[in-house]
Amino acid sequence: MTRILGVDPGLNVTGYGVLEAGADGMRLCEGGVVRAAARGSLFQKVQQIYEGIVDVIASLQPDVMALEELYSHYERPRTSILMGHARGVICLAASQAGLATHSYAATQVKKILTGNGRAPKRQMQDAIQRELGLHQAPDPADVADALAIALCHHYLADKVTHDP
């Protein structure tokens, strides 16, 4: 059995999902969000994200972490710089816990799960509901995105290399 922690980084809301992969298929262990104070400073936000991910790792004991890569849009470079802070503390939490970490582009995850690298959030939620046999789609979409990243890692696990 392998436990995969998928993380969709965000400064206000970071989605996470833990899947257990075994001989009998995939099983959802838990999905949720780590919320940072909406009006807090950048320093407060990254501390809250770090502490939340540390708690998730300690309580759910994943074997590996899959994380969404940063995407930078030329019209909004500041957004990717700010997201880098969130991603950095998430990677730090994983490293301190001894977890191997793998990164996936959002377009790659979407293409693998829906066949469309530009799939909207609702389509991703529906794909996760279908893939995991859930009674309803994960909500909020950050949870579905995190679970999608974990599933992507499961599907590509023998083809990925460890991030430095």
N, C-alpha and C. Protein backbone atom coordinates (compact mmCIF):
# COMPACT_ATOMS: atom_id res chain seq x y z
N MET A 1 0.84 -1.19 0.00
CA MET A 1 0.00 0.00 0.00
C MET A 1 0.88 1.25 0.00
N THR A 2 0.54 2.19 -0.83
CA THR A 2 1.25 3.46 -0.88
C THR A 2 0.25 4.59 -0.64
N ARG A 3 0.62 5.48 0.26
CA ARG A 3 -0.21 6.67 0.52
C ARG A 3 0.40 7.85 -0.20
N ILE A 4 -0.41 8.48 -1.04
CA ILE A 4 0.03 9.61 -1.84
C ILE A 4 -0.69 10.87 -1.37
N LEU A 5 0.08 11.87 -0.97
CA LEU A 5 -0.46 13.17 -0.60
C LEU A 5 -0.37 14.08 -1.83
N GLY A 6 -1.52 14.52 -2.32
CA GLY A 6 -1.57 15.48 -3.40
C GLY A 6 -1.83 16.85 -2.82
N VAL A 7 -1.14 17.88 -3.32
CA VAL A 7 -1.31 19.23 -2.79
C VAL A 7 -1.48 20.22 -3.93
N ASP A 8 -2.52 21.05 -3.79
CA ASP A 8 -2.78 22.15 -4.71
C ASP A 8 -2.47 23.43 -3.93
N PRO A 9 -1.26 24.00 -4.11
CA PRO A 9 -0.85 25.14 -3.29
C PRO A 9 -1.64 26.40 -3.57
N GLY A 10 -1.91 27.13 -2.51
CA GLY A 10 -2.56 28.43 -2.61
C GLY A 10 -2.20 29.25 -1.40
N LEU A 11 -2.19 30.56 -1.54
CA LEU A 11 -1.86 31.42 -0.40
C LEU A 11 -3.01 31.56 0.58
N ASN A 12 -4.23 31.51 0.09
CA ASN A 12 -5.39 31.59 0.98
C ASN A 12 -5.96 30.22 1.28
N VAL A 13 -6.04 29.38 0.25
CA VAL A 13 -6.58 28.03 0.40
C VAL A 13 -5.65 27.05 -0.30
N THR A 14 -5.13 26.11 0.46
CA THR A 14 -4.29 25.04 -0.09
C THR A 14 -5.09 23.75 0.02
N GLY A 15 -5.35 23.13 -1.12
CA GLY A 15 -6.09 21.87 -1.11
C GLY A 15 -5.14 20.70 -0.89
N TYR A 16 -5.63 19.68 -0.20
CA TYR A 16 -4.85 18.46 -0.04
C TYR A 16 -5.77 17.26 -0.16
N GLY A 17 -5.18 16.14 -0.56
CA GLY A 17 -5.92 14.90 -0.65
C GLY A 17 -4.95 13.74 -0.50
N VAL A 18 -5.34 12.75 0.27
CA VAL A 18 -4.51 11.57 0.46
C VAL A 18 -5.24 10.36 -0.10
N LEU A 19 -4.57 9.67 -1.02
CA LEU A 19 -5.08 8.45 -1.62
C LEU A 19 -4.21 7.28 -1.21
N GLU A 20 -4.84 6.14 -1.04
CA GLU A 20 -4.11 4.92 -0.74
C GLU A 20 -4.22 4.01 -1.95
N ALA A 21 -3.06 3.69 -2.51
CA ALA A 21 -3.01 2.84 -3.70
C ALA A 21 -2.55 1.45 -3.30
N GLY A 22 -3.37 0.46 -3.64
CA GLY A 22 -3.03 -0.92 -3.32
C GLY A 22 -3.43 -1.85 -4.43
N ALA A 23 -3.28 -3.11 -4.20
CA ALA A 23 -3.60 -4.12 -5.20
C ALA A 23 -5.08 -4.08 -5.59
N ASP A 24 -5.92 -3.64 -4.67
CA ASP A 24 -7.36 -3.59 -4.94
C ASP A 24 -7.81 -2.23 -5.47
N GLY A 25 -6.87 -1.37 -5.85
CA GLY A 25 -7.23 -0.08 -6.43
C GLY A 25 -6.94 1.10 -5.53
N MET A 26 -7.60 2.21 -5.83
CA MET A 26 -7.40 3.46 -5.10
C MET A 26 -8.49 3.66 -4.07
N ARG A 27 -8.09 4.21 -2.93
CA ARG A 27 -9.05 4.52 -1.87
C ARG A 27 -8.75 5.91 -1.35
N LEU A 28 -9.80 6.72 -1.19
CA LEU A 28 -9.66 8.06 -0.63
C LEU A 28 -9.53 7.95 0.89
N CYS A 29 -8.44 8.46 1.42
CA CYS A 29 -8.26 8.49 2.88
C CYS A 29 -8.86 9.77 3.45
N GLU A 30 -8.48 10.90 2.84
CA GLU A 30 -8.99 12.18 3.33
C GLU A 30 -8.69 13.26 2.32
N GLY A 31 -9.55 14.24 2.26
CA GLY A 31 -9.33 15.43 1.45
C GLY A 31 -9.81 16.63 2.22
N GLY A 32 -9.15 17.74 2.04
CA GLY A 32 -9.56 18.94 2.75
C GLY A 32 -8.74 20.13 2.31
N VAL A 33 -8.83 21.18 3.09
CA VAL A 33 -8.08 22.40 2.78
C VAL A 33 -7.38 22.91 4.03
N VAL A 34 -6.29 23.59 3.78
CA VAL A 34 -5.59 24.36 4.81
C VAL A 34 -5.87 25.80 4.45
N ARG A 35 -6.48 26.52 5.38
CA ARG A 35 -6.84 27.92 5.12
C ARG A 35 -5.90 28.86 5.87
N ALA A 36 -5.46 29.89 5.17
CA ALA A 36 -4.67 30.95 5.80
C ALA A 36 -5.61 32.14 6.02
N ALA A 37 -5.30 32.94 7.00
CA ALA A 37 -6.12 34.11 7.30
C ALA A 37 -6.19 35.02 6.08
N ALA A 38 -7.40 35.37 5.68
CA ALA A 38 -7.61 36.16 4.47
C ALA A 38 -6.92 37.52 4.55
N ARG A 39 -6.87 38.09 5.72
CA ARG A 39 -6.29 39.42 5.86
C ARG A 39 -4.91 39.41 6.52
N GLY A 40 -4.34 38.24 6.68
CA GLY A 40 -3.03 38.15 7.31
C GLY A 40 -1.90 38.59 6.40
N SER A 41 -0.75 38.82 7.00
CA SER A 41 0.43 39.17 6.22
C SER A 41 0.93 37.93 5.47
N LEU A 42 1.80 38.14 4.51
CA LEU A 42 2.40 37.02 3.78
C LEU A 42 3.08 36.07 4.76
N PHE A 43 3.76 36.61 5.73
CA PHE A 43 4.47 35.79 6.71
C PHE A 43 3.52 34.93 7.53
N GLN A 44 2.40 35.51 7.93
CA GLN A 44 1.39 34.74 8.68
C GLN A 44 0.79 33.64 7.80
N LYS A 45 0.51 33.99 6.55
CA LYS A 45 -0.10 33.02 5.64
C LYS A 45 0.80 31.81 5.42
N VAL A 46 2.09 32.06 5.13
CA VAL A 46 2.97 30.92 4.86
C VAL A 46 3.21 30.09 6.12
N GLN A 47 3.19 30.75 7.27
CA GLN A 47 3.32 29.98 8.52
C GLN A 47 2.11 29.08 8.72
N GLN A 48 0.92 29.60 8.46
CA GLN A 48 -0.31 28.81 8.62
C GLN A 48 -0.35 27.65 7.62
N ILE A 49 0.08 27.90 6.39
CA ILE A 49 0.13 26.83 5.39
C ILE A 49 1.12 25.76 5.83
N TYR A 50 2.31 26.19 6.24
CA TYR A 50 3.33 25.24 6.70
C TYR A 50 2.80 24.39 7.85
N GLU A 51 2.25 25.02 8.86
CA GLU A 51 1.74 24.29 10.03
C GLU A 51 0.62 23.34 9.64
N GLY A 52 -0.26 23.77 8.73
CA GLY A 52 -1.35 22.92 8.29
C GLY A 52 -0.86 21.68 7.55
N ILE A 53 0.12 21.87 6.66
CA ILE A 53 0.66 20.72 5.91
C ILE A 53 1.45 19.80 6.84
N VAL A 54 2.17 20.36 7.79
CA VAL A 54 2.87 19.54 8.78
C VAL A 54 1.87 18.66 9.52
N ASP A 55 0.74 19.24 9.91
CA ASP A 55 -0.31 18.47 10.61
C ASP A 55 -0.88 17.37 9.72
N VAL A 56 -1.13 17.68 8.45
CA VAL A 56 -1.66 16.68 7.51
C VAL A 56 -0.68 15.52 7.38
N ILE A 57 0.59 15.84 7.21
CA ILE A 57 1.61 14.80 7.07
C ILE A 57 1.70 13.95 8.33
N ALA A 58 1.69 14.60 9.49
CA ALA A 58 1.80 13.86 10.76
C ALA A 58 0.60 12.96 11.00
N SER A 59 -0.59 13.43 10.67
CA SER A 59 -1.79 12.63 10.98
C SER A 59 -2.09 11.57 9.93
N LEU A 60 -1.76 11.82 8.66
CA LEU A 60 -2.14 10.88 7.61
C LEU A 60 -0.98 10.02 7.12
N GLN A 61 0.23 10.34 7.52
CA GLN A 61 1.41 9.51 7.24
C GLN A 61 1.55 9.09 5.78
N PRO A 62 1.59 10.05 4.83
CA PRO A 62 1.78 9.67 3.42
C PRO A 62 3.20 9.15 3.18
N ASP A 63 3.36 8.41 2.09
CA ASP A 63 4.66 7.89 1.69
C ASP A 63 5.37 8.80 0.70
N VAL A 64 4.58 9.62 0.00
CA VAL A 64 5.11 10.47 -1.06
C VAL A 64 4.18 11.67 -1.21
N MET A 65 4.72 12.78 -1.72
CA MET A 65 3.89 13.95 -1.97
C MET A 65 3.97 14.33 -3.45
N ALA A 66 2.82 14.63 -4.04
CA ALA A 66 2.72 15.13 -5.41
C ALA A 66 2.18 16.55 -5.33
N LEU A 67 2.79 17.45 -6.05
CA LEU A 67 2.53 18.87 -5.91
C LEU A 67 2.38 19.52 -7.28
N GLU A 68 1.47 20.48 -7.37
CA GLU A 68 1.32 21.19 -8.64
C GLU A 68 2.51 22.12 -8.86
N GLU A 69 3.04 22.11 -10.08
CA GLU A 69 4.13 23.02 -10.44
C GLU A 69 3.61 24.45 -10.49
N LEU A 70 4.54 25.37 -10.33
CA LEU A 70 4.18 26.78 -10.48
C LEU A 70 3.97 27.11 -11.94
N TYR A 71 3.01 27.95 -12.19
CA TYR A 71 2.75 28.43 -13.54
C TYR A 71 2.85 29.94 -13.48
N SER A 72 3.57 30.51 -14.40
CA SER A 72 3.74 31.96 -14.42
C SER A 72 3.13 32.52 -15.70
N HIS A 73 2.20 33.43 -15.54
CA HIS A 73 1.60 34.11 -16.68
C HIS A 73 2.31 35.45 -16.84
N TYR A 74 2.69 35.76 -18.05
CA TYR A 74 3.49 36.97 -18.28
C TYR A 74 2.78 38.25 -17.84
N GLU A 75 1.45 38.23 -17.77
CA GLU A 75 0.72 39.43 -17.34
C GLU A 75 0.63 39.54 -15.82
N ARG A 76 0.91 38.44 -15.11
CA ARG A 76 0.78 38.46 -13.65
C ARG A 76 1.98 37.76 -12.98
N PRO A 77 3.18 38.25 -13.17
CA PRO A 77 4.35 37.57 -12.58
C PRO A 77 4.33 37.60 -11.06
N ARG A 78 3.72 38.63 -10.46
CA ARG A 78 3.68 38.74 -9.01
C ARG A 78 2.94 37.55 -8.39
N THR A 79 1.90 37.08 -9.05
CA THR A 79 1.13 35.95 -8.54
C THR A 79 2.00 34.72 -8.38
N SER A 80 2.82 34.43 -9.38
CA SER A 80 3.67 33.24 -9.28
C SER A 80 4.75 33.42 -8.23
N ILE A 81 5.23 34.63 -8.05
CA ILE A 81 6.22 34.89 -7.00
C ILE A 81 5.59 34.64 -5.64
N LEU A 82 4.38 35.13 -5.42
CA LEU A 82 3.69 34.91 -4.14
C LEU A 82 3.38 33.42 -3.93
N MET A 83 2.96 32.75 -5.01
CA MET A 83 2.66 31.31 -4.90
C MET A 83 3.92 30.51 -4.59
N GLY A 84 5.06 31.01 -5.04
CA GLY A 84 6.32 30.35 -4.74
C GLY A 84 6.58 30.26 -3.25
N HIS A 85 6.13 31.26 -2.51
CA HIS A 85 6.26 31.23 -1.05
C HIS A 85 5.46 30.06 -0.47
N ALA A 86 4.22 29.92 -0.91
CA ALA A 86 3.36 28.83 -0.42
C ALA A 86 3.96 27.49 -0.79
N ARG A 87 4.37 27.36 -2.03
CA ARG A 87 4.95 26.10 -2.51
C ARG A 87 6.23 25.77 -1.75
N GLY A 88 7.01 26.80 -1.45
CA GLY A 88 8.26 26.60 -0.72
C GLY A 88 8.05 26.02 0.67
N VAL A 89 7.09 26.54 1.41
CA VAL A 89 6.88 26.00 2.76
C VAL A 89 6.24 24.62 2.72
N ILE A 90 5.50 24.33 1.67
CA ILE A 90 4.93 22.99 1.51
C ILE A 90 6.06 21.99 1.24
N CYS A 91 6.99 22.38 0.37
CA CYS A 91 8.14 21.52 0.09
C CYS A 91 9.01 21.35 1.34
N LEU A 92 9.16 22.40 2.12
CA LEU A 92 9.93 22.32 3.37
C LEU A 92 9.29 21.31 4.32
N ALA A 93 7.99 21.38 4.48
CA ALA A 93 7.29 20.44 5.37
C ALA A 93 7.50 19.00 4.91
N ALA A 94 7.41 18.78 3.61
CA ALA A 94 7.62 17.42 3.07
C ALA A 94 9.06 16.97 3.29
N SER A 95 10.00 17.85 3.03
CA SER A 95 11.41 17.51 3.19
C SER A 95 11.74 17.17 4.65
N GLN A 96 11.22 17.96 5.57
CA GLN A 96 11.47 17.70 6.98
C GLN A 96 10.87 16.38 7.43
N ALA A 97 9.80 15.94 6.75
CA ALA A 97 9.17 14.66 7.08
C ALA A 97 9.81 13.51 6.31
N GLY A 98 10.77 13.81 5.46
CA GLY A 98 11.45 12.77 4.69
C GLY A 98 10.65 12.26 3.51
N LEU A 99 9.68 13.04 3.04
CA LEU A 99 8.85 12.62 1.90
C LEU A 99 9.50 12.98 0.57
N ALA A 100 9.54 12.03 -0.34
CA ALA A 100 9.92 12.34 -1.71
C ALA A 100 8.81 13.21 -2.30
N THR A 101 9.19 14.20 -3.09
CA THR A 101 8.22 15.13 -3.66
C THR A 101 8.34 15.15 -5.17
N HIS A 102 7.20 15.09 -5.85
CA HIS A 102 7.15 15.09 -7.31
C HIS A 102 6.21 16.20 -7.76
N SER A 103 6.58 16.88 -8.84
CA SER A 103 5.78 18.00 -9.34
C SER A 103 5.16 17.68 -10.69
N TYR A 104 3.97 18.22 -10.89
CA TYR A 104 3.23 18.01 -12.15
C TYR A 104 2.61 19.32 -12.58
N ALA A 105 2.67 19.59 -13.87
CA ALA A 105 2.02 20.78 -14.43
C ALA A 105 0.51 20.59 -14.40
N ALA A 106 -0.21 21.66 -14.14
CA ALA A 106 -1.68 21.60 -14.09
C ALA A 106 -2.24 21.08 -15.41
N THR A 107 -1.66 21.50 -16.53
CA THR A 107 -2.17 21.05 -17.83
C THR A 107 -1.96 19.54 -18.01
N GLN A 108 -0.85 19.02 -17.49
CA GLN A 108 -0.58 17.58 -17.57
C GLN A 108 -1.61 16.80 -16.76
N VAL A 109 -1.88 17.27 -15.55
CA VAL A 109 -2.86 16.61 -14.68
C VAL A 109 -4.23 16.60 -15.34
N LYS A 110 -4.64 17.74 -15.86
CA LYS A 110 -5.96 17.86 -16.50
C LYS A 110 -6.06 16.96 -17.72
N LYS A 111 -5.01 16.90 -18.52
CA LYS A 111 -5.03 16.08 -19.73
C LYS A 111 -5.13 14.59 -19.38
N ILE A 112 -4.41 14.17 -18.36
CA ILE A 112 -4.44 12.76 -17.96
C ILE A 112 -5.82 12.36 -17.45
N LEU A 113 -6.47 13.23 -16.70
CA LEU A 113 -7.76 12.87 -16.09
C LEU A 113 -8.97 13.15 -16.96
N THR A 114 -8.86 14.12 -17.88
CA THR A 114 -10.05 14.47 -18.67
C THR A 114 -9.80 14.39 -20.18
N GLY A 115 -8.54 14.30 -20.57
CA GLY A 115 -8.22 14.34 -22.00
C GLY A 115 -8.10 15.75 -22.52
N ASN A 116 -8.30 16.75 -21.64
CA ASN A 116 -8.27 18.15 -22.02
C ASN A 116 -7.36 18.91 -21.06
N GLY A 117 -6.23 19.39 -21.55
CA GLY A 117 -5.28 20.11 -20.71
C GLY A 117 -5.77 21.45 -20.21
N ARG A 118 -6.91 21.89 -20.70
CA ARG A 118 -7.49 23.17 -20.28
C ARG A 118 -8.86 22.96 -19.61
N ALA A 119 -9.09 21.78 -19.06
CA ALA A 119 -10.39 21.45 -18.46
C ALA A 119 -10.75 22.43 -17.35
N PRO A 120 -12.01 22.85 -17.31
CA PRO A 120 -12.45 23.74 -16.22
C PRO A 120 -12.56 22.98 -14.90
N LYS A 121 -12.64 23.74 -13.82
CA LYS A 121 -12.68 23.14 -12.48
C LYS A 121 -13.81 22.13 -12.32
N ARG A 122 -14.99 22.44 -12.83
CA ARG A 122 -16.13 21.53 -12.68
C ARG A 122 -15.85 20.19 -13.35
N GLN A 123 -15.23 20.22 -14.52
CA GLN A 123 -14.90 18.99 -15.23
C GLN A 123 -13.90 18.16 -14.41
N MET A 124 -12.96 18.84 -13.76
CA MET A 124 -11.99 18.14 -12.91
C MET A 124 -12.69 17.50 -11.71
N GLN A 125 -13.61 18.24 -11.09
CA GLN A 125 -14.35 17.70 -9.96
C GLN A 125 -15.13 16.45 -10.38
N ASP A 126 -15.77 16.51 -11.53
CA ASP A 126 -16.53 15.36 -12.03
C ASP A 126 -15.61 14.17 -12.33
N ALA A 127 -14.44 14.45 -12.89
CA ALA A 127 -13.49 13.38 -13.21
C ALA A 127 -13.02 12.68 -11.93
N ILE A 128 -12.76 13.45 -10.88
CA ILE A 128 -12.32 12.86 -9.61
C ILE A 128 -13.45 12.04 -9.00
N GLN A 129 -14.66 12.56 -9.06
CA GLN A 129 -15.81 11.81 -8.54
C GLN A 129 -15.91 10.46 -9.24
N ARG A 130 -15.79 10.47 -10.54
CA ARG A 130 -15.89 9.25 -11.34
C ARG A 130 -14.71 8.29 -11.05
N GLU A 131 -13.49 8.81 -11.08
CA GLU A 131 -12.29 7.98 -10.89
C GLU A 131 -12.27 7.30 -9.52
N LEU A 132 -12.73 8.02 -8.50
CA LEU A 132 -12.67 7.47 -7.14
C LEU A 132 -14.00 6.85 -6.69
N GLY A 133 -15.01 6.89 -7.55
CA GLY A 133 -16.31 6.30 -7.21
C GLY A 133 -16.98 6.99 -6.04
N LEU A 134 -16.87 8.32 -5.98
CA LEU A 134 -17.45 9.09 -4.87
C LEU A 134 -18.93 9.37 -5.13
N HIS A 135 -19.69 9.52 -4.07
CA HIS A 135 -21.12 9.83 -4.21
C HIS A 135 -21.36 11.25 -4.70
N GLN A 136 -20.42 12.14 -4.42
CA GLN A 136 -20.52 13.51 -4.91
C GLN A 136 -19.13 14.02 -5.23
N ALA A 137 -19.08 15.07 -6.03
CA ALA A 137 -17.79 15.65 -6.43
C ALA A 137 -17.16 16.35 -5.23
N PRO A 138 -15.83 16.27 -5.12
CA PRO A 138 -15.15 16.97 -4.02
C PRO A 138 -15.38 18.48 -4.12
N ASP A 139 -15.59 19.09 -2.96
CA ASP A 139 -15.83 20.52 -2.90
C ASP A 139 -15.12 21.06 -1.67
N PRO A 140 -14.36 22.12 -1.76
CA PRO A 140 -14.18 22.99 -2.91
C PRO A 140 -13.28 22.37 -3.98
N ALA A 141 -13.16 23.09 -5.09
CA ALA A 141 -12.38 22.60 -6.23
C ALA A 141 -10.91 22.38 -5.86
N ASP A 142 -10.41 23.06 -4.85
CA ASP A 142 -9.01 22.89 -4.43
C ASP A 142 -8.75 21.45 -3.98
N VAL A 143 -9.75 20.83 -3.36
CA VAL A 143 -9.63 19.44 -2.92
C VAL A 143 -9.59 18.52 -4.14
N ALA A 144 -10.47 18.76 -5.10
CA ALA A 144 -10.48 17.95 -6.33
C ALA A 144 -9.15 18.09 -7.07
N ASP A 145 -8.60 19.30 -7.11
CA ASP A 145 -7.31 19.51 -7.78
C ASP A 145 -6.21 18.74 -7.07
N ALA A 146 -6.20 18.75 -5.75
CA ALA A 146 -5.19 18.01 -4.97
C ALA A 146 -5.31 16.51 -5.22
N LEU A 147 -6.53 16.01 -5.23
CA LEU A 147 -6.75 14.58 -5.50
C LEU A 147 -6.34 14.22 -6.92
N ALA A 148 -6.57 15.15 -7.85
CA ALA A 148 -6.17 14.92 -9.24
C ALA A 148 -4.65 14.82 -9.34
N ILE A 149 -3.94 15.65 -8.60
CA ILE A 149 -2.48 15.61 -8.61
C ILE A 149 -1.99 14.28 -8.03
N ALA A 150 -2.63 13.83 -6.96
CA ALA A 150 -2.27 12.53 -6.37
C ALA A 150 -2.53 11.40 -7.36
N LEU A 151 -3.67 11.43 -8.03
CA LEU A 151 -3.99 10.41 -9.04
C LEU A 151 -3.00 10.44 -10.19
N CYS A 152 -2.66 11.63 -10.64
CA CYS A 152 -1.68 11.77 -11.71
C CYS A 152 -0.36 11.12 -11.29
N HIS A 153 0.05 11.35 -10.06
CA HIS A 153 1.29 10.73 -9.59
C HIS A 153 1.16 9.20 -9.61
N HIS A 154 0.03 8.70 -9.16
CA HIS A 154 -0.18 7.25 -9.17
C HIS A 154 -0.06 6.68 -10.58
N TYR A 155 -0.69 7.36 -11.54
CA TYR A 155 -0.66 6.87 -12.91
C TYR A 155 0.73 6.97 -13.55
N LEU A 156 1.53 7.95 -13.11
CA LEU A 156 2.83 8.17 -13.73
C LEU A 156 4.00 7.78 -12.83
N ALA A 157 3.74 7.17 -11.71
CA ALA A 157 4.76 6.93 -10.68
C ALA A 157 6.01 6.25 -11.20
N ASP A 158 5.88 5.34 -12.13
CA ASP A 158 7.08 4.65 -12.62
C ASP A 158 7.83 5.47 -13.67
N LYS A 159 7.28 6.64 -14.04
CA LYS A 159 7.91 7.46 -15.07
C LYS A 159 8.48 8.78 -14.52
N VAL A 160 8.36 9.03 -13.22
CA VAL A 160 8.79 10.31 -12.67
C VAL A 160 10.12 10.17 -11.94
N THR A 161 10.75 11.31 -11.80
CA THR A 161 11.97 11.36 -11.02
C THR A 161 11.77 12.31 -9.85
N HIS A 162 12.57 12.15 -8.84
CA HIS A 162 12.48 12.94 -7.62
C HIS A 162 12.91 14.39 -7.92
N ASP A 163 12.16 15.36 -7.40
CA ASP A 163 12.54 16.77 -7.54
C ASP A 163 13.74 17.04 -6.65
N PRO A 164 14.65 17.88 -7.12
CA PRO A 164 15.81 18.22 -6.28
C PRO A 164 15.41 19.09 -5.12
